[in-house]
């Protein structure tokens, strides 16, 4: 069961990364306001 949850997290993370890459140009103006946020730097 623990392995299944881990696998799901990996899949969700991969989808999220694809989403971020695809929409980075659209989101960039919004993200500029959060440039100093450490958590955002880790995500991107």
PDB file of N, CA and C in Angstrom:
ATOM      1  N   UNK A   1       0.831  -1.204   0.000  1.00  0.00           N
ATOM      2  CA  UNK A   1       0.000   0.000   0.000  1.00  0.00           C
ATOM      3  C   UNK A   1       0.872   1.264   0.000  1.00  0.00           C
ATOM      4  N   UNK A   2       1.928   1.239   0.786  1.00  0.00           N
ATOM      5  CA  UNK A   2       2.834   2.390   0.853  1.00  0.00           C
ATOM      6  C   UNK A   2       3.470   2.646  -0.516  1.00  0.00           C
ATOM      7  N   UNK A   3       3.821   1.574  -1.214  1.00  0.00           N
ATOM      8  CA  UNK A   3       4.450   1.685  -2.532  1.00  0.00           C
ATOM      9  C   UNK A   3       3.493   2.316  -3.535  1.00  0.00           C
ATOM     10  N   UNK A   4       2.221   1.932  -3.458  1.00  0.00           N
ATOM     11  CA  UNK A   4       1.206   2.458  -4.370  1.00  0.00           C
ATOM     12  C   UNK A   4       1.053   3.968  -4.189  1.00  0.00           C
ATOM     13  N   UNK A   5       1.027   4.406  -2.940  1.00  0.00           N
ATOM     14  CA  UNK A   5       0.912   5.838  -2.646  1.00  0.00           C
ATOM     15  C   UNK A   5       2.126   6.581  -3.200  1.00  0.00           C
ATOM     16  N   UNK A   6       3.313   6.001  -3.016  1.00  0.00           N
ATOM     17  CA  UNK A   6       4.545   6.606  -3.523  1.00  0.00           C
ATOM     18  C   UNK A   6       4.499   6.730  -5.043  1.00  0.00           C
ATOM     19  N   UNK A   7       4.004   5.674  -5.703  1.00  0.00           N
ATOM     20  CA  UNK A   7       3.900   5.671  -7.161  1.00  0.00           C
ATOM     21  C   UNK A   7       2.945   6.766  -7.631  1.00  0.00           C
ATOM     22  N   UNK A   8       1.830   6.916  -6.936  1.00  0.00           N
ATOM     23  CA  UNK A   8       0.855   7.954  -7.273  1.00  0.00           C
ATOM     24  C   UNK A   8       1.470   9.339  -7.134  1.00  0.00           C
ATOM     25  N   UNK A   9       2.248   9.543  -6.076  1.00  0.00           N
ATOM     26  CA  UNK A   9       2.905  10.834  -5.866  1.00  0.00           C
ATOM     27  C   UNK A   9       3.871  11.136  -7.004  1.00  0.00           C
ATOM     28  N   UNK A  10       4.588  10.115  -7.459  1.00  0.00           N
ATOM     29  CA  UNK A  10       5.523  10.283  -8.584  1.00  0.00           C
ATOM     30  C   UNK A  10       4.782  10.701  -9.844  1.00  0.00           C
ATOM     31  N   UNK A  11       3.652  10.032 -10.115  1.00  0.00           N
ATOM     32  CA  UNK A  11       2.859  10.333 -11.306  1.00  0.00           C
ATOM     33  C   UNK A  11       2.322  11.762 -11.228  1.00  0.00           C
ATOM     34  N   UNK A  12       1.792  12.125 -10.062  1.00  0.00           N
ATOM     35  CA  UNK A  12       1.254  13.476  -9.882  1.00  0.00           C
ATOM     36  C   UNK A  12       2.346  14.525 -10.041  1.00  0.00           C
ATOM     37  N   UNK A  13       3.526  14.230  -9.510  1.00  0.00           N
ATOM     38  CA  UNK A  13       4.652  15.157  -9.613  1.00  0.00           C
ATOM     39  C   UNK A  13       5.067  15.339 -11.073  1.00  0.00           C
ATOM     40  N   UNK A  14       5.095  14.240 -11.827  1.00  0.00           N
ATOM     41  CA  UNK A  14       5.457  14.292 -13.246  1.00  0.00           C
ATOM     42  C   UNK A  14       4.447  15.119 -14.034  1.00  0.00           C
ATOM     43  N   UNK A  15       3.163  14.911 -13.750  1.00  0.00           N
ATOM     44  CA  UNK A  15       2.112  15.677 -14.423  1.00  0.00           C
ATOM     45  C   UNK A  15       2.249  17.157 -14.084  1.00  0.00           C
ATOM     46  N   UNK A  16       2.529  17.442 -12.797  1.00  0.00           N
ATOM     47  CA  UNK A  16       2.685  18.824 -12.352  1.00  0.00           C
ATOM     48  C   UNK A  16       3.858  19.495 -13.056  1.00  0.00           C
ATOM     49  N   UNK A  17       4.970  18.781 -13.181  1.00  0.00           N
ATOM     50  CA  UNK A  17       6.150  19.339 -13.850  1.00  0.00           C
ATOM     51  C   UNK A  17       5.861  19.620 -15.321  1.00  0.00           C
ATOM     52  N   UNK A  18       5.132  18.715 -15.972  1.00  0.00           N
ATOM     53  CA  UNK A  18       4.748  18.928 -17.374  1.00  0.00           C
ATOM     54  C   UNK A  18       3.874  20.172 -17.490  1.00  0.00           C
ATOM     55  N   UNK A  19       2.926  20.295 -16.565  1.00  0.00           N
ATOM     56  CA  UNK A  19       2.025  21.444 -16.553  1.00  0.00           C
ATOM     57  C   UNK A  19       2.806  22.740 -16.381  1.00  0.00           C
ATOM     58  N   UNK A  20       3.748  22.734 -15.455  1.00  0.00           N
ATOM     59  CA  UNK A  20       4.552  23.936 -15.188  1.00  0.00           C
ATOM     60  C   UNK A  20       5.379  24.312 -16.415  1.00  0.00           C
ATOM     61  N   UNK A  21       5.993  23.322 -17.047  1.00  0.00           N
ATOM     62  CA  UNK A  21       6.808  23.593 -18.239  1.00  0.00           C
ATOM     63  C   UNK A  21       5.956  24.160 -19.363  1.00  0.00           C
ATOM     64  N   UNK A  22       4.766  23.572 -19.554  1.00  0.00           N
ATOM     65  CA  UNK A  22       3.894  23.968 -20.646  1.00  0.00           C
ATOM     66  C   UNK A  22       3.351  25.381 -20.454  1.00  0.00           C
ATOM     67  N   UNK A  23       3.015  25.702 -19.207  1.00  0.00           N
ATOM     68  CA  UNK A  23       2.345  26.971 -18.945  1.00  0.00           C
ATOM     69  C   UNK A  23       3.245  28.006 -18.281  1.00  0.00           C
ATOM     70  N   UNK A  24       4.542  27.738 -18.267  1.00  0.00           N
ATOM     71  CA  UNK A  24       5.483  28.657 -17.612  1.00  0.00           C
ATOM     72  C   UNK A  24       5.412  30.056 -18.221  1.00  0.00           C
ATOM     73  N   UNK A  25       5.331  30.134 -19.547  1.00  0.00           N
ATOM     74  CA  UNK A  25       5.284  31.434 -20.223  1.00  0.00           C
ATOM     75  C   UNK A  25       4.039  32.215 -19.829  1.00  0.00           C
ATOM     76  N   UNK A  26       2.918  31.496 -19.673  1.00  0.00           N
ATOM     77  CA  UNK A  26       1.663  32.149 -19.294  1.00  0.00           C
ATOM     78  C   UNK A  26       1.714  32.567 -17.825  1.00  0.00           C
ATOM     79  N   UNK A  27       2.310  31.706 -16.989  1.00  0.00           N
ATOM     80  CA  UNK A  27       2.334  31.943 -15.544  1.00  0.00           C
ATOM     81  C   UNK A  27       3.434  32.903 -15.114  1.00  0.00           C
ATOM     82  N   UNK A  28       4.440  33.100 -15.961  1.00  0.00           N
ATOM     83  CA  UNK A  28       5.608  33.892 -15.565  1.00  0.00           C
ATOM     84  C   UNK A  28       5.253  35.269 -14.988  1.00  0.00           C
ATOM     85  N   UNK A  29       4.367  36.048 -15.612  1.00  0.00           N
ATOM     86  CA  UNK A  29       4.023  37.347 -15.017  1.00  0.00           C
ATOM     87  C   UNK A  29       3.457  37.209 -13.606  1.00  0.00           C
ATOM     88  N   UNK A  30       2.669  36.152 -13.376  1.00  0.00           N
ATOM     89  CA  UNK A  30       2.096  35.909 -12.050  1.00  0.00           C
ATOM     90  C   UNK A  30       3.185  35.498 -11.071  1.00  0.00           C
ATOM     91  N   UNK A  31       4.124  34.675 -11.541  1.00  0.00           N
ATOM     92  CA  UNK A  31       5.163  34.144 -10.663  1.00  0.00           C
ATOM     93  C   UNK A  31       6.193  35.200 -10.282  1.00  0.00           C
ATOM     94  N   UNK A  32       6.332  36.236 -11.102  1.00  0.00           N
ATOM     95  CA  UNK A  32       7.317  37.285 -10.809  1.00  0.00           C
ATOM     96  C   UNK A  32       7.070  37.925  -9.447  1.00  0.00           C
ATOM     97  N   UNK A  33       5.813  37.999  -9.041  1.00  0.00           N
ATOM     98  CA  UNK A  33       5.469  38.573  -7.744  1.00  0.00           C
ATOM     99  C   UNK A  33       5.918  37.707  -6.582  1.00  0.00           C
ATOM    100  N   UNK A  34       6.162  36.419  -6.855  1.00  0.00           N
ATOM    101  CA  UNK A  34       6.535  35.477  -5.799  1.00  0.00           C
ATOM    102  C   UNK A  34       7.992  35.046  -5.913  1.00  0.00           C
ATOM    103  N   UNK A  35       8.798  35.831  -6.612  1.00  0.00           N
ATOM    104  CA  UNK A  35      10.185  35.452  -6.884  1.00  0.00           C
ATOM    105  C   UNK A  35      10.991  35.178  -5.619  1.00  0.00           C
ATOM    106  N   UNK A  36      10.683  35.881  -4.542  1.00  0.00           N
ATOM    107  CA  UNK A  36      11.456  35.730  -3.312  1.00  0.00           C
ATOM    108  C   UNK A  36      11.005  34.544  -2.461  1.00  0.00           C
ATOM    109  N   UNK A  37       9.952  33.855  -2.910  1.00  0.00           N
ATOM    110  CA  UNK A  37       9.436  32.714  -2.151  1.00  0.00           C
ATOM    111  C   UNK A  37      10.324  31.493  -2.359  1.00  0.00           C
ATOM    112  N   UNK A  38      10.822  30.923  -1.274  1.00  0.00           N
ATOM    113  CA  UNK A  38      11.716  29.766  -1.356  1.00  0.00           C
ATOM    114  C   UNK A  38      10.988  28.538  -1.882  1.00  0.00           C
ATOM    115  N   UNK A  39       9.735  28.349  -1.447  1.00  0.00           N
ATOM    116  CA  UNK A  39       8.985  27.156  -1.838  1.00  0.00           C
ATOM    117  C   UNK A  39       8.759  27.135  -3.347  1.00  0.00           C
ATOM    118  N   UNK A  40       8.494  28.308  -3.919  1.00  0.00           N
ATOM    119  CA  UNK A  40       8.258  28.383  -5.358  1.00  0.00           C
ATOM    120  C   UNK A  40       9.522  28.023  -6.131  1.00  0.00           C
ATOM    121  N   UNK A  41      10.680  28.471  -5.627  1.00  0.00           N
ATOM    122  CA  UNK A  41      11.953  28.146  -6.265  1.00  0.00           C
ATOM    123  C   UNK A  41      12.185  26.643  -6.274  1.00  0.00           C
ATOM    124  N   UNK A  42      11.785  25.965  -5.192  1.00  0.00           N
ATOM    125  CA  UNK A  42      11.956  24.515  -5.108  1.00  0.00           C
ATOM    126  C   UNK A  42      11.038  23.829  -6.115  1.00  0.00           C
ATOM    127  N   UNK A  43       9.786  24.322  -6.240  1.00  0.00           N
ATOM    128  CA  UNK A  43       8.822  23.709  -7.157  1.00  0.00           C
ATOM    129  C   UNK A  43       9.294  23.869  -8.599  1.00  0.00           C
ATOM    130  N   UNK A  44       9.761  25.067  -8.939  1.00  0.00           N
ATOM    131  CA  UNK A  44      10.174  25.334 -10.320  1.00  0.00           C
ATOM    132  C   UNK A  44      11.664  25.072 -10.460  1.00  0.00           C
TER     133      UNK A  44
END
